[in-house]
Amino acid sequence: MKTVSKSLCYIFVAALFTIALYHPSYASSKPLTAKEKAPYSVVVNKNLNSKKHKIRLYNDAGHQGILFTVNGIEGNNYQLFVFDMEGTLVTQVNVENRETTVLNNMAKGNYLFEVLIKDERIESGQLSIK
């Protein structure tokens, strides 16, 4: 019985951590604004598309965050750069193969993105958050 309760405790802590990771209102004491609470959708148009690397930018089930995931070549470190339409860097994230990360605090609008491996561009395009 002791092992079962320990396992449940670990599951509960993992669930709380996941909620804090994906839901910004749990990660800070500041309440979300109406704009931050509004669900949005993500549209990706790719200019350069790689056949060796499956790159995905999409919104989560709650439509509150943008997920970046890569399924490509083992051992590679993928860098995502997101720029506003004026060319200013908005965010940069790194993921390993078969990992997913969350892009929080992205405002609605149009962006340009590039995915690189060791300074080689493998994918690029436009990201629209509506």
N, C-alpha and C. Protein backbone atom coordinates (compact mmCIF):
# COMPACT_ATOMS: atom_id res chain seq x y z
N MET A 1 0.82 -1.19 0.00
CA MET A 1 0.00 0.00 0.00
C MET A 1 0.87 1.26 0.00
N LYS A 2 2.01 1.17 0.68
CA LYS A 2 2.90 2.32 0.75
C LYS A 2 3.44 2.69 -0.62
N THR A 3 3.76 1.69 -1.45
CA THR A 3 4.28 1.94 -2.79
C THR A 3 3.22 2.60 -3.66
N VAL A 4 1.99 2.20 -3.54
CA VAL A 4 0.92 2.79 -4.33
C VAL A 4 0.74 4.27 -3.98
N SER A 5 0.77 4.60 -2.70
CA SER A 5 0.58 6.00 -2.32
C SER A 5 1.77 6.86 -2.76
N LYS A 6 2.97 6.31 -2.74
CA LYS A 6 4.13 7.05 -3.24
C LYS A 6 3.99 7.31 -4.73
N SER A 7 3.54 6.30 -5.47
CA SER A 7 3.35 6.45 -6.91
C SER A 7 2.30 7.51 -7.20
N LEU A 8 1.20 7.49 -6.46
CA LEU A 8 0.16 8.49 -6.65
C LEU A 8 0.67 9.89 -6.34
N CYS A 9 1.51 10.00 -5.32
CA CYS A 9 2.09 11.29 -4.97
C CYS A 9 2.97 11.81 -6.11
N TYR A 10 3.79 10.93 -6.71
CA TYR A 10 4.64 11.33 -7.82
C TYR A 10 3.79 11.76 -9.03
N ILE A 11 2.71 11.02 -9.28
CA ILE A 11 1.83 11.38 -10.39
C ILE A 11 1.19 12.73 -10.15
N PHE A 12 0.75 12.99 -8.92
CA PHE A 12 0.13 14.26 -8.58
C PHE A 12 1.11 15.42 -8.77
N VAL A 13 2.33 15.26 -8.30
CA VAL A 13 3.35 16.31 -8.44
C VAL A 13 3.66 16.54 -9.92
N ALA A 14 3.75 15.46 -10.70
CA ALA A 14 4.02 15.60 -12.13
C ALA A 14 2.86 16.33 -12.83
N ALA A 15 1.64 16.04 -12.41
CA ALA A 15 0.48 16.72 -12.99
C ALA A 15 0.50 18.21 -12.68
N LEU A 16 0.82 18.57 -11.44
CA LEU A 16 0.91 19.98 -11.06
C LEU A 16 2.00 20.69 -11.84
N PHE A 17 3.13 20.03 -12.02
CA PHE A 17 4.23 20.61 -12.78
C PHE A 17 3.80 20.85 -14.23
N THR A 18 3.11 19.88 -14.82
CA THR A 18 2.65 20.01 -16.20
C THR A 18 1.67 21.17 -16.33
N ILE A 19 0.76 21.30 -15.38
CA ILE A 19 -0.19 22.42 -15.41
C ILE A 19 0.56 23.75 -15.34
N ALA A 20 1.53 23.84 -14.46
CA ALA A 20 2.31 25.08 -14.34
C ALA A 20 3.09 25.37 -15.61
N LEU A 21 3.57 24.33 -16.27
CA LEU A 21 4.36 24.51 -17.49
C LEU A 21 3.50 25.02 -18.64
N TYR A 22 2.31 24.46 -18.79
CA TYR A 22 1.48 24.79 -19.94
C TYR A 22 0.47 25.90 -19.68
N HIS A 23 0.22 26.26 -18.46
CA HIS A 23 -0.79 27.28 -18.17
C HIS A 23 -0.14 28.42 -17.41
N PRO A 24 0.06 29.57 -18.06
CA PRO A 24 0.82 30.67 -17.46
C PRO A 24 0.23 31.21 -16.17
N SER A 25 -1.08 31.10 -15.96
CA SER A 25 -1.65 31.66 -14.73
C SER A 25 -1.23 30.86 -13.51
N TYR A 26 -0.88 29.58 -13.68
CA TYR A 26 -0.41 28.79 -12.56
C TYR A 26 1.08 29.03 -12.30
N ALA A 27 1.79 29.49 -13.30
CA ALA A 27 3.23 29.67 -13.16
C ALA A 27 3.59 30.97 -12.45
N SER A 28 2.65 31.91 -12.37
CA SER A 28 2.94 33.16 -11.69
C SER A 28 1.72 33.58 -10.89
N SER A 29 1.92 34.49 -9.99
CA SER A 29 0.81 34.95 -9.17
C SER A 29 -0.01 36.02 -9.88
N LYS A 30 0.48 36.53 -11.00
CA LYS A 30 -0.23 37.56 -11.77
C LYS A 30 -1.37 36.91 -12.56
N PRO A 31 -2.60 37.42 -12.42
CA PRO A 31 -3.72 36.84 -13.17
C PRO A 31 -3.60 37.15 -14.66
N LEU A 32 -4.16 36.27 -15.48
CA LEU A 32 -4.14 36.47 -16.92
C LEU A 32 -5.09 37.58 -17.32
N THR A 33 -4.71 38.35 -18.33
CA THR A 33 -5.60 39.37 -18.88
C THR A 33 -6.59 38.69 -19.83
N ALA A 34 -7.62 39.41 -20.22
CA ALA A 34 -8.62 38.86 -21.14
C ALA A 34 -7.98 38.46 -22.46
N LYS A 35 -7.01 39.24 -22.91
CA LYS A 35 -6.31 38.94 -24.16
C LYS A 35 -5.53 37.64 -24.04
N GLU A 36 -4.87 37.41 -22.88
CA GLU A 36 -4.11 36.19 -22.67
C GLU A 36 -5.00 34.97 -22.54
N LYS A 37 -6.22 35.14 -22.02
CA LYS A 37 -7.14 34.03 -21.84
C LYS A 37 -7.80 33.62 -23.15
N ALA A 38 -7.88 34.53 -24.09
CA ALA A 38 -8.59 34.24 -25.35
C ALA A 38 -7.86 33.15 -26.13
N PRO A 39 -8.59 32.12 -26.54
CA PRO A 39 -7.95 31.06 -27.32
C PRO A 39 -7.56 31.58 -28.70
N TYR A 40 -6.55 30.98 -29.27
CA TYR A 40 -6.10 31.38 -30.58
C TYR A 40 -5.72 30.17 -31.40
N SER A 41 -5.55 30.38 -32.69
CA SER A 41 -5.15 29.31 -33.58
C SER A 41 -3.83 29.68 -34.24
N VAL A 42 -3.16 28.66 -34.73
CA VAL A 42 -1.85 28.85 -35.35
C VAL A 42 -1.91 28.35 -36.79
N VAL A 43 -1.42 29.18 -37.71
CA VAL A 43 -1.34 28.80 -39.12
C VAL A 43 0.13 28.94 -39.53
N VAL A 44 0.68 27.88 -40.11
CA VAL A 44 2.08 27.87 -40.52
C VAL A 44 2.16 27.71 -42.03
N ASN A 45 2.87 28.61 -42.69
CA ASN A 45 3.17 28.51 -44.12
C ASN A 45 4.68 28.37 -44.25
N LYS A 46 5.11 27.26 -44.84
CA LYS A 46 6.55 26.98 -44.93
C LYS A 46 7.09 27.38 -46.29
N ASN A 47 8.23 28.10 -46.27
CA ASN A 47 8.94 28.44 -47.49
C ASN A 47 9.96 27.36 -47.83
N LEU A 48 10.62 26.87 -46.81
CA LEU A 48 11.63 25.83 -46.95
C LEU A 48 11.19 24.68 -46.06
N ASN A 49 10.99 23.50 -46.65
CA ASN A 49 10.48 22.37 -45.90
C ASN A 49 11.48 21.22 -46.02
N SER A 50 11.86 20.62 -44.90
CA SER A 50 12.83 19.54 -44.89
C SER A 50 12.13 18.19 -44.92
N LYS A 51 12.67 17.27 -45.68
CA LYS A 51 12.11 15.92 -45.72
C LYS A 51 12.75 15.02 -44.66
N LYS A 52 13.95 15.36 -44.19
CA LYS A 52 14.64 14.57 -43.18
C LYS A 52 14.18 14.88 -41.77
N HIS A 53 13.65 16.08 -41.56
CA HIS A 53 13.30 16.56 -40.23
C HIS A 53 11.82 16.96 -40.22
N LYS A 54 11.04 16.36 -39.32
CA LYS A 54 9.63 16.73 -39.20
C LYS A 54 9.51 17.80 -38.13
N ILE A 55 9.31 19.02 -38.57
CA ILE A 55 9.21 20.18 -37.68
C ILE A 55 7.73 20.56 -37.57
N ARG A 56 7.25 20.73 -36.33
CA ARG A 56 5.85 21.11 -36.14
C ARG A 56 5.75 22.30 -35.20
N LEU A 57 4.99 23.28 -35.60
CA LEU A 57 4.58 24.42 -34.77
C LEU A 57 3.06 24.37 -34.74
N TYR A 58 2.49 24.23 -33.55
CA TYR A 58 1.04 24.07 -33.44
C TYR A 58 0.58 24.53 -32.06
N ASN A 59 -0.72 24.77 -31.92
CA ASN A 59 -1.23 25.19 -30.62
C ASN A 59 -1.64 23.96 -29.81
N ASP A 60 -1.58 24.11 -28.48
CA ASP A 60 -1.94 23.01 -27.60
C ASP A 60 -3.45 22.83 -27.56
N ALA A 61 -3.90 21.80 -26.88
CA ALA A 61 -5.33 21.47 -26.85
C ALA A 61 -6.18 22.60 -26.27
N GLY A 62 -5.64 23.34 -25.31
CA GLY A 62 -6.37 24.44 -24.71
C GLY A 62 -6.25 25.73 -25.48
N HIS A 63 -5.50 25.71 -26.59
CA HIS A 63 -5.29 26.89 -27.43
C HIS A 63 -4.68 28.05 -26.65
N GLN A 64 -3.84 27.77 -25.68
CA GLN A 64 -3.24 28.82 -24.88
C GLN A 64 -1.73 28.96 -25.13
N GLY A 65 -1.11 27.97 -25.71
CA GLY A 65 0.32 28.03 -25.95
C GLY A 65 0.66 27.47 -27.32
N ILE A 66 1.86 27.74 -27.77
CA ILE A 66 2.33 27.22 -29.05
C ILE A 66 3.41 26.20 -28.75
N LEU A 67 3.28 25.03 -29.34
CA LEU A 67 4.23 23.95 -29.14
C LEU A 67 5.16 23.85 -30.34
N PHE A 68 6.43 23.57 -30.06
CA PHE A 68 7.44 23.37 -31.09
C PHE A 68 8.03 22.00 -30.85
N THR A 69 7.90 21.11 -31.83
CA THR A 69 8.41 19.76 -31.68
C THR A 69 9.17 19.35 -32.93
N VAL A 70 10.14 18.48 -32.74
CA VAL A 70 10.99 18.01 -33.84
C VAL A 70 11.11 16.50 -33.77
N ASN A 71 10.96 15.87 -34.92
CA ASN A 71 11.23 14.45 -35.05
C ASN A 71 12.16 14.33 -36.25
N GLY A 72 13.44 14.21 -35.96
CA GLY A 72 14.43 14.24 -37.04
C GLY A 72 15.54 13.26 -36.82
N ILE A 73 16.75 13.75 -36.86
CA ILE A 73 17.95 12.92 -36.75
C ILE A 73 18.43 12.92 -35.30
N GLU A 74 18.67 11.74 -34.78
CA GLU A 74 19.09 11.59 -33.38
C GLU A 74 20.40 12.33 -33.12
N GLY A 75 20.46 12.99 -31.98
CA GLY A 75 21.67 13.69 -31.55
C GLY A 75 21.76 15.13 -32.03
N ASN A 76 20.81 15.59 -32.82
CA ASN A 76 20.84 16.96 -33.31
C ASN A 76 20.17 17.91 -32.33
N ASN A 77 20.70 19.12 -32.27
CA ASN A 77 20.11 20.20 -31.48
C ASN A 77 19.48 21.18 -32.47
N TYR A 78 18.17 21.35 -32.36
CA TYR A 78 17.43 22.20 -33.27
C TYR A 78 17.19 23.55 -32.62
N GLN A 79 17.42 24.62 -33.37
CA GLN A 79 17.20 25.98 -32.86
C GLN A 79 16.07 26.62 -33.64
N LEU A 80 15.07 27.13 -32.92
CA LEU A 80 13.97 27.85 -33.54
C LEU A 80 14.14 29.32 -33.23
N PHE A 81 14.10 30.14 -34.26
CA PHE A 81 14.15 31.59 -34.13
C PHE A 81 12.83 32.14 -34.65
N VAL A 82 12.16 32.98 -33.86
CA VAL A 82 10.92 33.61 -34.27
C VAL A 82 11.15 35.11 -34.30
N PHE A 83 10.83 35.73 -35.45
CA PHE A 83 11.02 37.17 -35.66
C PHE A 83 9.67 37.82 -35.92
N ASP A 84 9.53 39.08 -35.51
CA ASP A 84 8.33 39.83 -35.91
C ASP A 84 8.52 40.24 -37.37
N MET A 85 7.53 40.87 -37.94
CA MET A 85 7.58 41.21 -39.37
C MET A 85 8.60 42.30 -39.69
N GLU A 86 9.11 42.97 -38.67
CA GLU A 86 10.14 43.97 -38.86
C GLU A 86 11.54 43.38 -38.75
N GLY A 87 11.63 42.09 -38.43
CA GLY A 87 12.91 41.41 -38.35
C GLY A 87 13.53 41.38 -36.96
N THR A 88 12.79 41.80 -35.94
CA THR A 88 13.29 41.78 -34.57
C THR A 88 13.07 40.40 -33.97
N LEU A 89 14.10 39.85 -33.34
CA LEU A 89 14.00 38.54 -32.71
C LEU A 89 13.01 38.60 -31.55
N VAL A 90 11.97 37.75 -31.60
CA VAL A 90 10.95 37.70 -30.55
C VAL A 90 11.29 36.63 -29.53
N THR A 91 11.66 35.45 -30.02
CA THR A 91 12.03 34.36 -29.12
C THR A 91 12.96 33.39 -29.83
N GLN A 92 13.71 32.67 -29.02
CA GLN A 92 14.63 31.65 -29.52
C GLN A 92 14.57 30.48 -28.56
N VAL A 93 14.41 29.27 -29.08
CA VAL A 93 14.40 28.08 -28.24
C VAL A 93 15.23 26.99 -28.89
N ASN A 94 15.75 26.11 -28.06
CA ASN A 94 16.53 24.96 -28.50
C ASN A 94 15.84 23.69 -28.04
N VAL A 95 15.77 22.69 -28.91
CA VAL A 95 15.25 21.39 -28.53
C VAL A 95 16.12 20.31 -29.15
N GLU A 96 16.16 19.18 -28.51
CA GLU A 96 16.81 18.01 -29.05
C GLU A 96 15.80 17.24 -29.89
N ASN A 97 16.27 16.27 -30.64
CA ASN A 97 15.39 15.43 -31.44
C ASN A 97 14.37 14.75 -30.54
N ARG A 98 13.13 14.68 -30.99
CA ARG A 98 12.00 14.05 -30.28
C ARG A 98 11.63 14.76 -28.99
N GLU A 99 11.88 16.04 -28.92
CA GLU A 99 11.48 16.85 -27.78
C GLU A 99 10.45 17.88 -28.22
N THR A 100 9.70 18.36 -27.22
CA THR A 100 8.71 19.40 -27.45
C THR A 100 8.92 20.49 -26.43
N THR A 101 8.77 21.73 -26.84
CA THR A 101 8.86 22.86 -25.91
C THR A 101 7.68 23.80 -26.17
N VAL A 102 7.41 24.64 -25.19
CA VAL A 102 6.28 25.56 -25.27
C VAL A 102 6.80 26.97 -25.50
N LEU A 103 6.18 27.68 -26.43
CA LEU A 103 6.46 29.10 -26.65
C LEU A 103 5.35 29.87 -25.94
N ASN A 104 5.64 30.42 -24.79
CA ASN A 104 4.65 31.17 -24.03
C ASN A 104 4.71 32.65 -24.38
N ASN A 105 3.64 33.34 -24.07
CA ASN A 105 3.56 34.80 -24.20
C ASN A 105 3.73 35.29 -25.64
N MET A 106 3.26 34.51 -26.59
CA MET A 106 3.28 34.96 -27.99
C MET A 106 1.98 35.73 -28.25
N ALA A 107 2.11 36.97 -28.65
CA ALA A 107 0.95 37.80 -28.95
C ALA A 107 0.39 37.41 -30.31
N LYS A 108 -0.88 37.68 -30.53
CA LYS A 108 -1.48 37.43 -31.83
C LYS A 108 -0.81 38.32 -32.86
N GLY A 109 -0.60 37.76 -34.05
CA GLY A 109 0.05 38.51 -35.11
C GLY A 109 0.76 37.60 -36.08
N ASN A 110 1.55 38.19 -36.95
CA ASN A 110 2.32 37.44 -37.95
C ASN A 110 3.79 37.48 -37.60
N TYR A 111 4.44 36.35 -37.81
CA TYR A 111 5.85 36.20 -37.47
C TYR A 111 6.55 35.42 -38.58
N LEU A 112 7.85 35.57 -38.63
CA LEU A 112 8.70 34.76 -39.49
C LEU A 112 9.49 33.82 -38.60
N PHE A 113 9.73 32.58 -39.05
CA PHE A 113 10.50 31.65 -38.24
C PHE A 113 11.54 30.95 -39.09
N GLU A 114 12.60 30.51 -38.41
CA GLU A 114 13.66 29.71 -39.02
C GLU A 114 14.04 28.62 -38.05
N VAL A 115 14.30 27.42 -38.57
CA VAL A 115 14.81 26.32 -37.76
C VAL A 115 16.17 25.96 -38.32
N LEU A 116 17.16 25.93 -37.42
CA LEU A 116 18.54 25.68 -37.83
C LEU A 116 19.14 24.52 -37.06
N ILE A 117 20.10 23.85 -37.71
CA ILE A 117 20.98 22.89 -37.07
C ILE A 117 22.39 23.36 -37.38
N LYS A 118 23.15 23.71 -36.38
CA LYS A 118 24.55 24.15 -36.57
C LYS A 118 24.67 25.18 -37.69
N ASP A 119 23.91 26.24 -37.62
CA ASP A 119 23.94 27.34 -38.58
C ASP A 119 23.44 26.98 -39.98
N GLU A 120 22.87 25.79 -40.16
CA GLU A 120 22.29 25.43 -41.45
C GLU A 120 20.77 25.51 -41.33
N ARG A 121 20.17 26.33 -42.18
CA ARG A 121 18.72 26.48 -42.15
C ARG A 121 18.09 25.24 -42.78
N ILE A 122 17.21 24.58 -42.01
CA ILE A 122 16.54 23.38 -42.53
C ILE A 122 15.05 23.63 -42.81
N GLU A 123 14.52 24.70 -42.18
CA GLU A 123 13.13 25.02 -42.43
C GLU A 123 12.89 26.49 -42.11
N SER A 124 11.98 27.12 -42.86
CA SER A 124 11.63 28.51 -42.59
C SER A 124 10.23 28.77 -43.13
N GLY A 125 9.64 29.87 -42.67
CA GLY A 125 8.32 30.22 -43.15
C GLY A 125 7.69 31.31 -42.33
N GLN A 126 6.37 31.38 -42.43
CA GLN A 126 5.60 32.39 -41.72
C GLN A 126 4.67 31.70 -40.73
N LEU A 127 4.54 32.31 -39.56
CA LEU A 127 3.71 31.80 -38.49
C LEU A 127 2.66 32.88 -38.19
N SER A 128 1.39 32.52 -38.30
CA SER A 128 0.31 33.46 -38.01
C SER A 128 -0.44 32.96 -36.78
N ILE A 129 -0.57 33.83 -35.78
CA ILE A 129 -1.31 33.52 -34.58
C ILE A 129 -2.56 34.38 -34.60
N LYS A 130 -3.71 33.73 -34.62
CA LYS A 130 -4.98 34.45 -34.74
C LYS A 130 -5.81 34.24 -33.51
